[in-house]
């Protein structure tokens, strides 16, 4: 199984990354292929609200999202850490992009 892991905390020594790292170790030990995206340090530009991605095709921003979108679509499972039922850190700004990327055909 291909698993896509999103890390959202910029604190590499924090508890969020510790939990994510343990998930990755367990998934790999079980024989799964794991790909990781560091949302806190990825080059993703903020949404301009142009809605191009929802109606006319790929996002107009020239950043890493197109590469990440392909990884999202190829994955069998996606994992991101929820803390107190909230998406953490930099993943919060990705919510719209992730939703659009998953819904649009290739």
PDB file of N, CA and C in Angstrom:
ATOM      1  N   UNK A   1       0.835  -1.179   0.000  1.00  0.00           N
ATOM      2  CA  UNK A   1       0.000   0.000   0.000  1.00  0.00           C
ATOM      3  C   UNK A   1       0.880   1.243   0.000  1.00  0.00           C
ATOM      4  N   UNK A   2       0.532   2.224  -0.825  1.00  0.00           N
ATOM      5  CA  UNK A   2       1.244   3.504  -0.835  1.00  0.00           C
ATOM      6  C   UNK A   2       0.556   4.449   0.157  1.00  0.00           C
ATOM      7  N   UNK A   3       1.336   4.951   1.095  1.00  0.00           N
ATOM      8  CA  UNK A   3       0.808   5.863   2.114  1.00  0.00           C
ATOM      9  C   UNK A   3       1.495   7.214   1.971  1.00  0.00           C
ATOM     10  N   UNK A   4       0.706   8.262   1.901  1.00  0.00           N
ATOM     11  CA  UNK A   4       1.213   9.641   1.815  1.00  0.00           C
ATOM     12  C   UNK A   4       1.084  10.269   3.203  1.00  0.00           C
ATOM     13  N   UNK A   5       2.187  10.733   3.750  1.00  0.00           N
ATOM     14  CA  UNK A   5       2.204  11.323   5.085  1.00  0.00           C
ATOM     15  C   UNK A   5       2.497  12.816   4.971  1.00  0.00           C
ATOM     16  N   UNK A   6       1.646  13.619   5.584  1.00  0.00           N
ATOM     17  CA  UNK A   6       1.846  15.061   5.633  1.00  0.00           C
ATOM     18  C   UNK A   6       2.325  15.449   7.023  1.00  0.00           C
ATOM     19  N   UNK A   7       3.487  16.087   7.095  1.00  0.00           N
ATOM     20  CA  UNK A   7       3.992  16.627   8.361  1.00  0.00           C
ATOM     21  C   UNK A   7       3.678  18.115   8.372  1.00  0.00           C
ATOM     22  N   UNK A   8       3.038  18.594   9.431  1.00  0.00           N
ATOM     23  CA  UNK A   8       2.598  19.979   9.447  1.00  0.00           C
ATOM     24  C   UNK A   8       3.324  20.885  10.418  1.00  0.00           C
ATOM     25  N   UNK A   9       4.063  20.332  11.336  1.00  0.00           N
ATOM     26  CA  UNK A   9       4.713  21.151  12.350  1.00  0.00           C
ATOM     27  C   UNK A   9       6.123  21.553  11.932  1.00  0.00           C
ATOM     28  N   UNK A  10       6.467  22.836  12.088  1.00  0.00           N
ATOM     29  CA  UNK A  10       7.827  23.258  11.778  1.00  0.00           C
ATOM     30  C   UNK A  10       8.848  22.815  12.842  1.00  0.00           C
ATOM     31  N   UNK A  11       8.365  22.365  13.988  1.00  0.00           N
ATOM     32  CA  UNK A  11       9.235  21.940  15.074  1.00  0.00           C
ATOM     33  C   UNK A  11       9.607  20.476  14.890  1.00  0.00           C
ATOM     34  N   UNK A  12      10.796  20.218  14.363  1.00  0.00           N
ATOM     35  CA  UNK A  12      11.238  18.856  14.075  1.00  0.00           C
ATOM     36  C   UNK A  12      11.383  17.995  15.320  1.00  0.00           C
ATOM     37  N   UNK A  13      11.552  18.609  16.488  1.00  0.00           N
ATOM     38  CA  UNK A  13      11.709  17.854  17.732  1.00  0.00           C
ATOM     39  C   UNK A  13      10.429  17.838  18.558  1.00  0.00           C
ATOM     40  N   UNK A  14       9.337  18.297  17.979  1.00  0.00           N
ATOM     41  CA  UNK A  14       8.071  18.381  18.705  1.00  0.00           C
ATOM     42  C   UNK A  14       7.307  17.072  18.735  1.00  0.00           C
ATOM     43  N   UNK A  15       6.256  17.064  19.524  1.00  0.00           N
ATOM     44  CA  UNK A  15       5.469  15.843  19.694  1.00  0.00           C
ATOM     45  C   UNK A  15       4.718  15.458  18.423  1.00  0.00           C
ATOM     46  N   UNK A  16       4.309  16.423  17.618  1.00  0.00           N
ATOM     47  CA  UNK A  16       3.602  16.099  16.376  1.00  0.00           C
ATOM     48  C   UNK A  16       4.490  15.298  15.433  1.00  0.00           C
ATOM     49  N   UNK A  17       5.717  15.756  15.254  1.00  0.00           N
ATOM     50  CA  UNK A  17       6.638  15.026  14.381  1.00  0.00           C
ATOM     51  C   UNK A  17       7.068  13.697  14.993  1.00  0.00           C
ATOM     52  N   UNK A  18       7.124  13.612  16.300  1.00  0.00           N
ATOM     53  CA  UNK A  18       7.437  12.344  16.960  1.00  0.00           C
ATOM     54  C   UNK A  18       6.340  11.320  16.658  1.00  0.00           C
ATOM     55  N   UNK A  19       5.078  11.711  16.794  1.00  0.00           N
ATOM     56  CA  UNK A  19       3.969  10.808  16.513  1.00  0.00           C
ATOM     57  C   UNK A  19       3.946  10.391  15.042  1.00  0.00           C
ATOM     58  N   UNK A  20       4.201  11.349  14.162  1.00  0.00           N
ATOM     59  CA  UNK A  20       4.221  11.049  12.732  1.00  0.00           C
ATOM     60  C   UNK A  20       5.364  10.099  12.394  1.00  0.00           C
ATOM     61  N   UNK A  21       6.521  10.318  12.978  1.00  0.00           N
ATOM     62  CA  UNK A  21       7.676   9.446  12.749  1.00  0.00           C
ATOM     63  C   UNK A  21       7.382   8.020  13.198  1.00  0.00           C
ATOM     64  N   UNK A  22       6.728   7.879  14.339  1.00  0.00           N
ATOM     65  CA  UNK A  22       6.386   6.540  14.826  1.00  0.00           C
ATOM     66  C   UNK A  22       5.383   5.864  13.892  1.00  0.00           C
ATOM     67  N   UNK A  23       4.430   6.624  13.360  1.00  0.00           N
ATOM     68  CA  UNK A  23       3.491   6.069  12.385  1.00  0.00           C
ATOM     69  C   UNK A  23       4.242   5.562  11.148  1.00  0.00           C
ATOM     70  N   UNK A  24       5.184   6.372  10.670  1.00  0.00           N
ATOM     71  CA  UNK A  24       5.970   5.995   9.490  1.00  0.00           C
ATOM     72  C   UNK A  24       6.757   4.714   9.745  1.00  0.00           C
ATOM     73  N   UNK A  25       7.408   4.622  10.914  1.00  0.00           N
ATOM     74  CA  UNK A  25       8.173   3.410  11.245  1.00  0.00           C
ATOM     75  C   UNK A  25       7.265   2.180  11.251  1.00  0.00           C
ATOM     76  N   UNK A  26       6.087   2.308  11.845  1.00  0.00           N
ATOM     77  CA  UNK A  26       5.153   1.188  11.901  1.00  0.00           C
ATOM     78  C   UNK A  26       4.650   0.790  10.519  1.00  0.00           C
ATOM     79  N   UNK A  27       4.356   1.774   9.683  1.00  0.00           N
ATOM     80  CA  UNK A  27       3.872   1.493   8.330  1.00  0.00           C
ATOM     81  C   UNK A  27       4.951   0.797   7.501  1.00  0.00           C
ATOM     82  N   UNK A  28       6.186   1.284   7.598  1.00  0.00           N
ATOM     83  CA  UNK A  28       7.279   0.652   6.856  1.00  0.00           C
ATOM     84  C   UNK A  28       7.551  -0.759   7.367  1.00  0.00           C
ATOM     85  N   UNK A  29       7.475  -0.942   8.679  1.00  0.00           N
ATOM     86  CA  UNK A  29       7.688  -2.276   9.251  1.00  0.00           C
ATOM     87  C   UNK A  29       6.620  -3.261   8.776  1.00  0.00           C
ATOM     88  N   UNK A  30       5.434  -2.742   8.479  1.00  0.00           N
ATOM     89  CA  UNK A  30       4.341  -3.590   7.988  1.00  0.00           C
ATOM     90  C   UNK A  30       4.427  -3.814   6.475  1.00  0.00           C
ATOM     91  N   UNK A  31       5.453  -3.237   5.840  1.00  0.00           N
ATOM     92  CA  UNK A  31       5.680  -3.471   4.417  1.00  0.00           C
ATOM     93  C   UNK A  31       5.064  -2.453   3.478  1.00  0.00           C
ATOM     94  N   UNK A  32       4.612  -1.334   3.991  1.00  0.00           N
ATOM     95  CA  UNK A  32       4.004  -0.313   3.145  1.00  0.00           C
ATOM     96  C   UNK A  32       5.050   0.666   2.616  1.00  0.00           C
ATOM     97  N   UNK A  33       4.767   1.238   1.454  1.00  0.00           N
ATOM     98  CA  UNK A  33       5.608   2.279   0.873  1.00  0.00           C
ATOM     99  C   UNK A  33       5.106   3.617   1.408  1.00  0.00           C
ATOM    100  N   UNK A  34       5.996   4.410   2.000  1.00  0.00           N
ATOM    101  CA  UNK A  34       5.597   5.673   2.622  1.00  0.00           C
ATOM    102  C   UNK A  34       6.301   6.836   1.945  1.00  0.00           C
ATOM    103  N   UNK A  35       5.524   7.839   1.537  1.00  0.00           N
ATOM    104  CA  UNK A  35       6.066   9.092   1.004  1.00  0.00           C
ATOM    105  C   UNK A  35       5.679  10.199   1.967  1.00  0.00           C
ATOM    106  N   UNK A  36       6.604  11.114   2.218  1.00  0.00           N
ATOM    107  CA  UNK A  36       6.370  12.185   3.183  1.00  0.00           C
ATOM    108  C   UNK A  36       6.468  13.546   2.519  1.00  0.00           C
ATOM    109  N   UNK A  37       5.566  14.444   2.900  1.00  0.00           N
ATOM    110  CA  UNK A  37       5.624  15.838   2.480  1.00  0.00           C
ATOM    111  C   UNK A  37       5.710  16.689   3.731  1.00  0.00           C
ATOM    112  N   UNK A  38       6.712  17.530   3.793  1.00  0.00           N
ATOM    113  CA  UNK A  38       6.907  18.440   4.918  1.00  0.00           C
ATOM    114  C   UNK A  38       6.187  19.752   4.592  1.00  0.00           C
ATOM    115  N   UNK A  39       4.962  19.874   5.055  1.00  0.00           N
ATOM    116  CA  UNK A  39       4.133  21.036   4.732  1.00  0.00           C
ATOM    117  C   UNK A  39       4.700  22.331   5.302  1.00  0.00           C
ATOM    118  N   UNK A  40       5.399  22.237   6.405  1.00  0.00           N
ATOM    119  CA  UNK A  40       5.946  23.438   7.034  1.00  0.00           C
ATOM    120  C   UNK A  40       7.076  24.048   6.227  1.00  0.00           C
ATOM    121  N   UNK A  41       7.769  23.228   5.434  1.00  0.00           N
ATOM    122  CA  UNK A  41       8.925  23.728   4.704  1.00  0.00           C
ATOM    123  C   UNK A  41       8.792  23.595   3.187  1.00  0.00           C
ATOM    124  N   UNK A  42       7.646  23.127   2.705  1.00  0.00           N
ATOM    125  CA  UNK A  42       7.423  23.007   1.262  1.00  0.00           C
ATOM    126  C   UNK A  42       7.162  24.384   0.657  1.00  0.00           C
ATOM    127  N   UNK A  43       7.499  24.521  -0.605  1.00  0.00           N
ATOM    128  CA  UNK A  43       7.254  25.782  -1.297  1.00  0.00           C
ATOM    129  C   UNK A  43       5.837  25.751  -1.891  1.00  0.00           C
ATOM    130  N   UNK A  44       4.878  26.159  -1.056  1.00  0.00           N
ATOM    131  CA  UNK A  44       3.482  26.228  -1.464  1.00  0.00           C
ATOM    132  C   UNK A  44       3.018  27.661  -1.252  1.00  0.00           C
ATOM    133  N   UNK A  45       2.587  28.279  -2.319  1.00  0.00           N
ATOM    134  CA  UNK A  45       2.137  29.664  -2.245  1.00  0.00           C
ATOM    135  C   UNK A  45       0.694  29.712  -1.765  1.00  0.00           C
ATOM    136  N   UNK A  46       0.306  30.759  -1.067  1.00  0.00           N
ATOM    137  CA  UNK A  46      -1.070  30.837  -0.573  1.00  0.00           C
ATOM    138  C   UNK A  46      -2.078  30.999  -1.718  1.00  0.00           C
ATOM    139  N   UNK A  47      -3.275  30.542  -1.465  1.00  0.00           N
ATOM    140  CA  UNK A  47      -4.349  30.618  -2.456  1.00  0.00           C
ATOM    141  C   UNK A  47      -4.705  32.081  -2.729  1.00  0.00           C
ATOM    142  N   UNK A  48      -4.903  32.388  -4.016  1.00  0.00           N
ATOM    143  CA  UNK A  48      -5.300  33.747  -4.394  1.00  0.00           C
ATOM    144  C   UNK A  48      -6.813  33.883  -4.532  1.00  0.00           C
ATOM    145  N   UNK A  49      -7.530  32.769  -4.462  1.00  0.00           N
ATOM    146  CA  UNK A  49      -8.979  32.795  -4.586  1.00  0.00           C
ATOM    147  C   UNK A  49      -9.470  32.933  -6.015  1.00  0.00           C
ATOM    148  N   UNK A  50      -8.627  32.652  -6.989  1.00  0.00           N
ATOM    149  CA  UNK A  50      -9.010  32.820  -8.392  1.00  0.00           C
ATOM    150  C   UNK A  50      -9.942  31.700  -8.874  1.00  0.00           C
ATOM    151  N   UNK A  51     -10.013  30.601  -8.136  1.00  0.00           N
ATOM    152  CA  UNK A  51     -10.853  29.434  -8.409  1.00  0.00           C
ATOM    153  C   UNK A  51     -10.478  28.731  -9.712  1.00  0.00           C
ATOM    154  N   UNK A  52      -9.328  29.034 -10.263  1.00  0.00           N
ATOM    155  CA  UNK A  52      -8.872  28.367 -11.491  1.00  0.00           C
ATOM    156  C   UNK A  52      -8.791  26.862 -11.281  1.00  0.00           C
ATOM    157  N   UNK A  53      -8.323  26.452 -10.119  1.00  0.00           N
ATOM    158  CA  UNK A  53      -8.138  25.024  -9.849  1.00  0.00           C
ATOM    159  C   UNK A  53      -9.451  24.269  -9.820  1.00  0.00           C
ATOM    160  N   UNK A  54     -10.504  24.915  -9.413  1.00  0.00           N
ATOM    161  CA  UNK A  54     -11.781  24.232  -9.308  1.00  0.00           C
ATOM    162  C   UNK A  54     -12.557  24.155 -10.609  1.00  0.00           C
ATOM    163  N   UNK A  55     -12.260  25.030 -11.554  1.00  0.00           N
ATOM    164  CA  UNK A  55     -13.055  25.097 -12.775  1.00  0.00           C
ATOM    165  C   UNK A  55     -12.275  24.904 -14.067  1.00  0.00           C
ATOM    166  N   UNK A  56     -11.054  25.380 -14.120  1.00  0.00           N
ATOM    167  CA  UNK A  56     -10.349  25.444 -15.394  1.00  0.00           C
ATOM    168  C   UNK A  56      -9.094  24.598 -15.480  1.00  0.00           C
ATOM    169  N   UNK A  57      -8.713  23.928 -14.432  1.00  0.00           N
ATOM    170  CA  UNK A  57      -7.521  23.097 -14.509  1.00  0.00           C
ATOM    171  C   UNK A  57      -6.601  23.289 -13.337  1.00  0.00           C
ATOM    172  N   UNK A  58      -5.310  23.111 -13.556  1.00  0.00           N
ATOM    173  CA  UNK A  58      -4.362  23.178 -12.437  1.00  0.00           C
ATOM    174  C   UNK A  58      -4.227  24.580 -11.863  1.00  0.00           C
ATOM    175  N   UNK A  59      -3.731  24.631 -10.667  1.00  0.00           N
ATOM    176  CA  UNK A  59      -3.515  25.893  -9.958  1.00  0.00           C
ATOM    177  C   UNK A  59      -2.569  26.789 -10.759  1.00  0.00           C
ATOM    178  N   UNK A  60      -2.829  28.094 -10.718  1.00  0.00           N
ATOM    179  CA  UNK A  60      -1.988  29.042 -11.446  1.00  0.00           C
ATOM    180  C   UNK A  60      -0.659  29.288 -10.734  1.00  0.00           C
ATOM    181  N   UNK A  61      -0.580  28.922  -9.466  1.00  0.00           N
ATOM    182  CA  UNK A  61       0.667  29.098  -8.723  1.00  0.00           C
ATOM    183  C   UNK A  61       1.709  28.112  -9.254  1.00  0.00           C
ATOM    184  N   UNK A  62       2.907  28.572  -9.400  1.00  0.00           N
ATOM    185  CA  UNK A  62       4.017  27.713  -9.844  1.00  0.00           C
ATOM    186  C   UNK A  62       4.847  27.339  -8.615  1.00  0.00           C
ATOM    187  N   UNK A  63       4.388  26.292  -7.946  1.00  0.00           N
ATOM    188  CA  UNK A  63       5.052  25.852  -6.729  1.00  0.00           C
ATOM    189  C   UNK A  63       5.067  24.324  -6.691  1.00  0.00           C
ATOM    190  N   UNK A  64       5.232  23.741  -5.524  1.00  0.00           N
ATOM    191  CA  UNK A  64       5.357  22.294  -5.400  1.00  0.00           C
ATOM    192  C   UNK A  64       4.021  21.556  -5.411  1.00  0.00           C
ATOM    193  N   UNK A  65       2.912  22.277  -5.427  1.00  0.00           N
ATOM    194  CA  UNK A  65       1.614  21.625  -5.285  1.00  0.00           C
ATOM    195  C   UNK A  65       1.292  20.664  -6.419  1.00  0.00           C
ATOM    196  N   UNK A  66       1.709  20.944  -7.650  1.00  0.00           N
ATOM    197  CA  UNK A  66       1.422  20.020  -8.742  1.00  0.00           C
ATOM    198  C   UNK A  66       2.111  18.673  -8.535  1.00  0.00           C
ATOM    199  N   UNK A  67       3.344  18.695  -8.044  1.00  0.00           N
ATOM    200  CA  UNK A  67       4.059  17.449  -7.742  1.00  0.00           C
ATOM    201  C   UNK A  67       3.375  16.716  -6.586  1.00  0.00           C
ATOM    202  N   UNK A  68       2.989  17.474  -5.577  1.00  0.00           N
ATOM    203  CA  UNK A  68       2.337  16.889  -4.407  1.00  0.00           C
ATOM    204  C   UNK A  68       0.966  16.335  -4.788  1.00  0.00           C
ATOM    205  N   UNK A  69       0.278  17.014  -5.688  1.00  0.00           N
ATOM    206  CA  UNK A  69      -1.038  16.561  -6.157  1.00  0.00           C
ATOM    207  C   UNK A  69      -0.939  15.163  -6.766  1.00  0.00           C
ATOM    208  N   UNK A  70       0.086  14.933  -7.578  1.00  0.00           N
ATOM    209  CA  UNK A  70       0.271  13.613  -8.173  1.00  0.00           C
ATOM    210  C   UNK A  70       0.518  12.560  -7.093  1.00  0.00           C
ATOM    211  N   UNK A  71       1.266  12.919  -6.070  1.00  0.00           N
ATOM    212  CA  UNK A  71       1.520  11.999  -4.966  1.00  0.00           C
ATOM    213  C   UNK A  71       0.218  11.684  -4.228  1.00  0.00           C
ATOM    214  N   UNK A  72      -0.628  12.707  -4.041  1.00  0.00           N
ATOM    215  CA  UNK A  72      -1.913  12.516  -3.363  1.00  0.00           C
ATOM    216  C   UNK A  72      -2.778  11.530  -4.145  1.00  0.00           C
ATOM    217  N   UNK A  73      -2.864  11.745  -5.449  1.00  0.00           N
ATOM    218  CA  UNK A  73      -3.719  10.906  -6.282  1.00  0.00           C
ATOM    219  C   UNK A  73      -3.198   9.483  -6.408  1.00  0.00           C
ATOM    220  N   UNK A  74      -1.887   9.293  -6.351  1.00  0.00           N
ATOM    221  CA  UNK A  74      -1.304   7.961  -6.458  1.00  0.00           C
ATOM    222  C   UNK A  74      -1.358   7.170  -5.154  1.00  0.00           C
ATOM    223  N   UNK A  75      -1.548   7.859  -4.044  1.00  0.00           N
ATOM    224  CA  UNK A  75      -1.537   7.194  -2.741  1.00  0.00           C
ATOM    225  C   UNK A  75      -2.824   6.405  -2.501  1.00  0.00           C
ATOM    226  N   UNK A  76      -2.677   5.288  -1.826  1.00  0.00           N
ATOM    227  CA  UNK A  76      -3.831   4.498  -1.402  1.00  0.00           C
ATOM    228  C   UNK A  76      -4.405   5.024  -0.089  1.00  0.00           C
ATOM    229  N   UNK A  77      -3.547   5.686   0.684  1.00  0.00           N
ATOM    230  CA  UNK A  77      -3.955   6.212   1.990  1.00  0.00           C
ATOM    231  C   UNK A  77      -3.210   7.513   2.251  1.00  0.00           C
ATOM    232  N   UNK A  78      -3.874   8.454   2.910  1.00  0.00           N
ATOM    233  CA  UNK A  78      -3.256   9.722   3.294  1.00  0.00           C
ATOM    234  C   UNK A  78      -3.328   9.855   4.816  1.00  0.00           C
ATOM    235  N   UNK A  79      -2.223  10.325   5.404  1.00  0.00           N
ATOM    236  CA  UNK A  79      -2.163  10.465   6.865  1.00  0.00           C
ATOM    237  C   UNK A  79      -1.708  11.875   7.212  1.00  0.00           C
ATOM    238  N   UNK A  80      -2.471  12.536   8.048  1.00  0.00           N
ATOM    239  CA  UNK A  80      -2.009  13.766   8.667  1.00  0.00           C
ATOM    240  C   UNK A  80      -2.519  13.768  10.085  1.00  0.00           C
ATOM    241  N   UNK A  81      -1.731  14.326  10.962  1.00  0.00           N
ATOM    242  CA  UNK A  81      -1.995  14.277  12.392  1.00  0.00           C
ATOM    243  C   UNK A  81      -3.058  15.299  12.777  1.00  0.00           C
ATOM    244  N   UNK A  82      -4.060  14.850  13.505  1.00  0.00           N
ATOM    245  CA  UNK A  82      -5.065  15.742  14.082  1.00  0.00           C
ATOM    246  C   UNK A  82      -4.772  15.886  15.560  1.00  0.00           C
ATOM    247  N   UNK A  83      -4.750  17.099  16.033  1.00  0.00           N
ATOM    248  CA  UNK A  83      -4.545  17.366  17.458  1.00  0.00           C
ATOM    249  C   UNK A  83      -5.782  18.085  17.963  1.00  0.00           C
ATOM    250  N   UNK A  84      -6.460  17.512  18.927  1.00  0.00           N
ATOM    251  CA  UNK A  84      -7.697  18.072  19.477  1.00  0.00           C
ATOM    252  C   UNK A  84      -8.705  18.334  18.350  1.00  0.00           C
ATOM    253  N   UNK A  85      -8.762  17.379  17.395  1.00  0.00           N
ATOM    254  CA  UNK A  85      -9.691  17.432  16.264  1.00  0.00           C
ATOM    255  C   UNK A  85      -9.463  18.616  15.334  1.00  0.00           C
ATOM    256  N   UNK A  86      -8.258  19.117  15.313  1.00  0.00           N
ATOM    257  CA  UNK A  86      -7.908  20.218  14.421  1.00  0.00           C
ATOM    258  C   UNK A  86      -6.684  19.831  13.607  1.00  0.00           C
ATOM    259  N   UNK A  87      -6.655  20.238  12.352  1.00  0.00           N
ATOM    260  CA  UNK A  87      -5.472  20.027  11.529  1.00  0.00           C
ATOM    261  C   UNK A  87      -4.391  20.966  12.044  1.00  0.00           C
ATOM    262  N   UNK A  88      -3.170  20.446  12.170  1.00  0.00           N
ATOM    263  CA  UNK A  88      -2.117  21.223  12.814  1.00  0.00           C
ATOM    264  C   UNK A  88      -1.329  22.089  11.839  1.00  0.00           C
ATOM    265  N   UNK A  89      -0.760  23.129  12.380  1.00  0.00           N
ATOM    266  CA  UNK A  89       0.250  23.956  11.733  1.00  0.00           C
ATOM    267  C   UNK A  89      -0.025  24.351  10.298  1.00  0.00           C
ATOM    268  N   UNK A  90       0.971  24.163   9.482  1.00  0.00           N
ATOM    269  CA  UNK A  90       0.940  24.603   8.094  1.00  0.00           C
ATOM    270  C   UNK A  90      -0.042  23.815   7.237  1.00  0.00           C
ATOM    271  N   UNK A  91      -0.489  22.663   7.717  1.00  0.00           N
ATOM    272  CA  UNK A  91      -1.473  21.906   6.956  1.00  0.00           C
ATOM    273  C   UNK A  91      -2.804  22.644   6.893  1.00  0.00           C
ATOM    274  N   UNK A  92      -3.053  23.518   7.834  1.00  0.00           N
ATOM    275  CA  UNK A  92      -4.309  24.269   7.861  1.00  0.00           C
ATOM    276  C   UNK A  92      -4.461  25.095   6.587  1.00  0.00           C
ATOM    277  N   UNK A  93      -3.415  25.734   6.140  1.00  0.00           N
ATOM    278  CA  UNK A  93      -3.504  26.551   4.927  1.00  0.00           C
ATOM    279  C   UNK A  93      -3.607  25.692   3.672  1.00  0.00           C
ATOM    280  N   UNK A  94      -3.306  24.422   3.783  1.00  0.00           N
ATOM    281  CA  UNK A  94      -3.381  23.515   2.644  1.00  0.00           C
ATOM    282  C   UNK A  94      -4.761  22.931   2.438  1.00  0.00           C
ATOM    283  N   UNK A  95      -5.668  23.099   3.391  1.00  0.00           N
ATOM    284  CA  UNK A  95      -6.965  22.434   3.323  1.00  0.00           C
ATOM    285  C   UNK A  95      -7.628  22.566   1.955  1.00  0.00           C
ATOM    286  N   UNK A  96      -7.721  23.772   1.453  1.00  0.00           N
ATOM    287  CA  UNK A  96      -8.382  24.006   0.169  1.00  0.00           C
ATOM    288  C   UNK A  96      -7.617  23.323  -0.964  1.00  0.00           C
ATOM    289  N   UNK A  97      -6.313  23.487  -0.985  1.00  0.00           N
ATOM    290  CA  UNK A  97      -5.514  22.874  -2.052  1.00  0.00           C
ATOM    291  C   UNK A  97      -5.635  21.361  -2.040  1.00  0.00           C
ATOM    292  N   UNK A  98      -5.608  20.758  -0.876  1.00  0.00           N
ATOM    293  CA  UNK A  98      -5.714  19.305  -0.778  1.00  0.00           C
ATOM    294  C   UNK A  98      -7.077  18.828  -1.254  1.00  0.00           C
ATOM    295  N   UNK A  99      -8.118  19.537  -0.882  1.00  0.00           N
ATOM    296  CA  UNK A  99      -9.466  19.155  -1.318  1.00  0.00           C
ATOM    297  C   UNK A  99      -9.602  19.267  -2.831  1.00  0.00           C
ATOM    298  N   UNK A 100      -9.118  20.356  -3.397  1.00  0.00           N
ATOM    299  CA  UNK A 100      -9.205  20.540  -4.837  1.00  0.00           C
ATOM    300  C   UNK A 100      -8.360  19.517  -5.589  1.00  0.00           C
ATOM    301  N   UNK A 101      -7.187  19.224  -5.074  1.00  0.00           N
ATOM    302  CA  UNK A 101      -6.291  18.276  -5.733  1.00  0.00           C
ATOM    303  C   UNK A 101      -6.893  16.875  -5.757  1.00  0.00           C
ATOM    304  N   UNK A 102      -7.570  16.503  -4.709  1.00  0.00           N
ATOM    305  CA  UNK A 102      -8.139  15.160  -4.622  1.00  0.00           C
ATOM    306  C   UNK A 102      -9.382  15.015  -5.490  1.00  0.00           C
ATOM    307  N   UNK A 103     -10.120  16.092  -5.711  1.00  0.00           N
ATOM    308  CA  UNK A 103     -11.379  16.022  -6.448  1.00  0.00           C
ATOM    309  C   UNK A 103     -11.222  16.147  -7.960  1.00  0.00           C
ATOM    310  N   UNK A 104     -10.220  16.892  -8.414  1.00  0.00           N
ATOM    311  CA  UNK A 104     -10.059  17.130  -9.851  1.00  0.00           C
ATOM    312  C   UNK A 104      -9.529  15.902 -10.569  1.00  0.00           C
ATOM    313  N   UNK A 105     -10.023  15.622 -11.760  1.00  0.00           N
ATOM    314  CA  UNK A 105      -9.422  14.535 -12.533  1.00  0.00           C
ATOM    315  C   UNK A 105      -8.028  14.941 -13.005  1.00  0.00           C
ATOM    316  N   UNK A 106      -7.215  13.971 -13.326  1.00  0.00           N
ATOM    317  CA  UNK A 106      -5.835  14.250 -13.768  1.00  0.00           C
ATOM    318  C   UNK A 106      -5.805  14.905 -15.106  1.00  0.00           C
TER     319      UNK A 106
END
